[in-house]
C-alpha atoms as a PDB file:
ATOM      1  CA  MET A   1      55.754  25.278 -50.140  1.00  0.00           C
ATOM      2  CA  LYS A   2      56.551  26.541 -46.676  1.00  0.00           C
ATOM      3  CA  LYS A   3      54.881  29.821 -45.807  1.00  0.00           C
ATOM      4  CA  ILE A   4      57.909  31.183 -43.948  1.00  0.00           C
ATOM      5  CA  GLU A   5      61.530  30.411 -43.266  1.00  0.00           C
ATOM      6  CA  PHE A   6      63.754  31.149 -40.316  1.00  0.00           C
ATOM      7  CA  LYS A   7      67.135  32.786 -40.928  1.00  0.00           C
ATOM      8  CA  LYS A   8      70.248  33.479 -38.908  1.00  0.00           C
ATOM      9  CA  ILE A   9      71.892  36.790 -39.676  1.00  0.00           C
ATOM     10  CA  ASP A  10      75.297  38.109 -38.591  1.00  0.00           C
ATOM     11  CA  ASP A  11      76.088  37.929 -34.878  1.00  0.00           C
ATOM     12  CA  GLY A  12      73.445  35.254 -34.308  1.00  0.00           C
ATOM     13  CA  PHE A  13      70.420  37.507 -34.871  1.00  0.00           C
ATOM     14  CA  ARG A  14      67.456  35.406 -35.962  1.00  0.00           C
ATOM     15  CA  THR A  15      64.521  36.461 -38.054  1.00  0.00           C
ATOM     16  CA  VAL A  16      61.436  35.181 -39.885  1.00  0.00           C
ATOM     17  CA  HIS A  17      60.894  35.773 -43.605  1.00  0.00           C
ATOM     18  CA  PRO A  18      57.728  35.078 -45.583  1.00  0.00           C
ATOM     19  CA  ASN A  19      58.222  33.007 -48.748  1.00  0.00           C
ATOM     20  CA  ASP A  20      55.331  34.891 -50.321  1.00  0.00           C
ATOM     21  CA  PRO A  21      54.285  38.503 -49.552  1.00  0.00           C
ATOM     22  CA  LYS A  22      50.838  37.141 -48.665  1.00  0.00           C
ATOM     23  CA  PHE A  23      52.320  35.693 -45.454  1.00  0.00           C
ATOM     24  CA  ILE A  24      53.862  38.898 -44.086  1.00  0.00           C
ATOM     25  CA  LEU A  25      51.392  38.916 -41.161  1.00  0.00           C
ATOM     26  CA  LEU A  26      52.407  35.382 -40.222  1.00  0.00           C
ATOM     27  CA  SER A  27      56.076  36.390 -40.149  1.00  0.00           C
ATOM     28  CA  LEU A  28      55.291  39.535 -38.134  1.00  0.00           C
ATOM     29  CA  PHE A  29      53.209  37.537 -35.660  1.00  0.00           C
ATOM     30  CA  ILE A  30      55.853  34.859 -35.147  1.00  0.00           C
ATOM     31  CA  GLY A  31      58.778  37.292 -35.095  1.00  0.00           C
ATOM     32  CA  LYS A  32      57.107  39.349 -32.383  1.00  0.00           C
ATOM     33  CA  TYR A  33      57.938  36.599 -29.881  1.00  0.00           C
ATOM     34  CA  ARG A  34      61.717  36.472 -29.431  1.00  0.00           C
ATOM     35  CA  PHE A  35      62.258  34.484 -26.238  1.00  0.00           C
ATOM     36  CA  PRO A  36      61.419  30.797 -25.697  1.00  0.00           C
ATOM     37  CA  LYS A  37      59.321  31.649 -22.617  1.00  0.00           C
ATOM     38  CA  ASN A  38      57.165  34.111 -24.596  1.00  0.00           C
ATOM     39  CA  ILE A  39      56.890  31.712 -27.518  1.00  0.00           C
ATOM     40  CA  GLN A  40      55.739  28.953 -25.148  1.00  0.00           C
ATOM     41  CA  GLN A  41      53.070  31.257 -23.689  1.00  0.00           C
ATOM     42  CA  ILE A  42      51.595  31.727 -27.170  1.00  0.00           C
ATOM     43  CA  ILE A  43      51.838  27.993 -27.893  1.00  0.00           C
ATOM     44  CA  ASP A  44      49.999  27.302 -24.619  1.00  0.00           C
ATOM     45  CA  LEU A  45      47.345  29.883 -25.493  1.00  0.00           C
ATOM     46  CA  LEU A  46      46.761  28.366 -28.941  1.00  0.00           C
ATOM     47  CA  GLU A  47      46.785  24.804 -27.598  1.00  0.00           C
ATOM     48  CA  SER A  48      44.214  25.697 -24.934  1.00  0.00           C
ATOM     49  CA  VAL A  49      41.863  26.640 -27.772  1.00  0.00           C
ATOM     50  CA  ILE A  50      42.554  23.653 -30.012  1.00  0.00           C
ATOM     51  CA  ASP A  51      42.157  21.306 -27.007  1.00  0.00           C
ATOM     52  CA  ASN A  52      38.799  22.966 -26.182  1.00  0.00           C
ATOM     53  CA  ASN A  53      39.993  23.978 -22.709  1.00  0.00           C
ATOM     54  CA  LYS A  54      39.174  27.620 -23.522  1.00  0.00           C
ATOM     55  CA  THR A  55      37.314  29.537 -26.157  1.00  0.00           C
ATOM     56  CA  TRP A  56      39.354  31.991 -28.194  1.00  0.00           C
ATOM     57  CA  GLU A  57      37.695  34.850 -26.335  1.00  0.00           C
ATOM     58  CA  GLU A  58      38.688  33.352 -22.962  1.00  0.00           C
ATOM     59  CA  ALA A  59      42.248  32.702 -24.143  1.00  0.00           C
ATOM     60  CA  VAL A  60      42.850  36.275 -25.329  1.00  0.00           C
ATOM     61  CA  GLU A  61      40.921  37.986 -22.511  1.00  0.00           C
ATOM     62  CA  PRO A  62      44.169  39.093 -20.776  1.00  0.00           C
ATOM     63  CA  TYR A  63      45.006  41.021 -23.957  1.00  0.00           C
ATOM     64  CA  ALA A  64      41.770  43.057 -23.609  1.00  0.00           C
ATOM     65  CA  ASP A  65      40.505  42.272 -27.100  1.00  0.00           C
ATOM     66  CA  ASP A  66      38.938  39.454 -29.119  1.00  0.00           C
ATOM     67  CA  THR A  67      41.954  39.362 -31.446  1.00  0.00           C
ATOM     68  CA  LEU A  68      45.726  39.600 -31.105  1.00  0.00           C
ATOM     69  CA  ASP A  69      47.379  42.617 -32.694  1.00  0.00           C
ATOM     70  CA  ILE A  70      50.072  41.953 -35.278  1.00  0.00           C
ATOM     71  CA  GLY A  71      52.835  44.360 -36.207  1.00  0.00           C
ATOM     72  CA  TYR A  72      51.639  47.487 -34.410  1.00  0.00           C
ATOM     73  CA  GLY A  73      48.285  47.611 -36.150  1.00  0.00           C
ATOM     74  CA  SER A  74      49.308  45.938 -39.427  1.00  0.00           C
ATOM     75  CA  GLY A  75      46.753  43.227 -38.819  1.00  0.00           C
ATOM     76  CA  GLU A  76      45.193  40.929 -36.280  1.00  0.00           C
ATOM     77  CA  LEU A  77      44.820  37.250 -35.496  1.00  0.00           C
ATOM     78  CA  ASP A  78      41.451  35.677 -34.760  1.00  0.00           C
ATOM     79  CA  VAL A  79      40.690  31.990 -34.212  1.00  0.00           C
ATOM     80  CA  GLN A  80      37.411  30.216 -34.871  1.00  0.00           C
ATOM     81  CA  GLU A  81      36.757  26.482 -35.076  1.00  0.00           C
ATOM     82  CA  ASN A  82      40.434  25.463 -35.258  1.00  0.00           C
ATOM     83  CA  THR A  83      41.198  27.939 -38.021  1.00  0.00           C
ATOM     84  CA  ALA A  84      43.569  30.879 -37.557  1.00  0.00           C
ATOM     85  CA  TYR A  85      42.482  33.981 -39.466  1.00  0.00           C
ATOM     86  CA  PHE A  86      45.050  36.661 -40.242  1.00  0.00           C
ATOM     87  CA  PHE A  87      43.277  39.911 -41.113  1.00  0.00           C
ATOM     88  CA  SER A  88      45.122  42.777 -42.767  1.00  0.00           C
ATOM     89  CA  LYS A  89      44.078  46.230 -43.884  1.00  0.00           C
ATOM     90  CA  ASN A  90      45.487  45.084 -47.226  1.00  0.00           C
ATOM     91  CA  ASP A  91      43.136  42.321 -48.429  1.00  0.00           C
ATOM     92  CA  ASP A  92      45.966  40.682 -50.420  1.00  0.00           C
ATOM     93  CA  GLU A  93      47.695  39.880 -47.124  1.00  0.00           C
ATOM     94  CA  SER A  94      44.653  38.383 -45.337  1.00  0.00           C
ATOM     95  CA  PHE A  95      44.538  34.599 -45.193  1.00  0.00           C
ATOM     96  CA  ASP A  96      43.604  31.669 -42.989  1.00  0.00           C
ATOM     97  CA  MET A  97      45.354  28.469 -41.995  1.00  0.00           C
ATOM     98  CA  PRO A  98      44.675  25.482 -39.751  1.00  0.00           C
ATOM     99  CA  LEU A  99      45.311  26.352 -36.109  1.00  0.00           C
ATOM    100  CA  GLN A 100      47.426  23.204 -35.680  1.00  0.00           C
ATOM    101  CA  GLU A 101      49.730  24.390 -38.480  1.00  0.00           C
ATOM    102  CA  LEU A 102      50.244  27.696 -36.655  1.00  0.00           C
ATOM    103  CA  ILE A 103      51.008  25.823 -33.420  1.00  0.00           C
ATOM    104  CA  ASP A 104      53.526  23.623 -35.247  1.00  0.00           C
ATOM    105  CA  ILE A 105      55.237  26.665 -36.770  1.00  0.00           C
ATOM    106  CA  MET A 106      55.425  28.321 -33.347  1.00  0.00           C
ATOM    107  CA  LYS A 107      57.063  25.160 -31.971  1.00  0.00           C
ATOM    108  CA  GLU A 108      59.602  25.226 -34.816  1.00  0.00           C
ATOM    109  CA  TRP A 109      60.290  28.906 -34.042  1.00  0.00           C
ATOM    110  CA  LYS A 110      60.815  28.117 -30.366  1.00  0.00           C
ATOM    111  CA  SER A 111      63.286  25.378 -31.249  1.00  0.00           C
ATOM    112  CA  PHE A 112      65.090  27.691 -33.686  1.00  0.00           C
ATOM    113  CA  MET A 113      65.324  30.451 -31.070  1.00  0.00           C
ATOM    114  CA  SER A 114      66.563  28.132 -28.285  1.00  0.00           C
END
């Protein structure tokens, strides 16, 4: 089962929907990046970590934190050892996934938004 799906709404507006409420943070994280250039920046950031060119801390240093904020404080993304951790204040919405899977989803999102 796919964690999320991309949808086109009237007038060409595009959005991300979780297929299970557990993945709301994933949809908020992905949907935060609306333009191909911004999406590519996040892909590059994640790939720099998976390729061992940077540590997670080095990659997110420009954001002034060790995690990336999701949904105006709804949660945060942390990466350790090629695993992406989505932390929520609501434990039911916290989960982890392989970092490569997140990169692949971001690439799909970029293609969908182009």
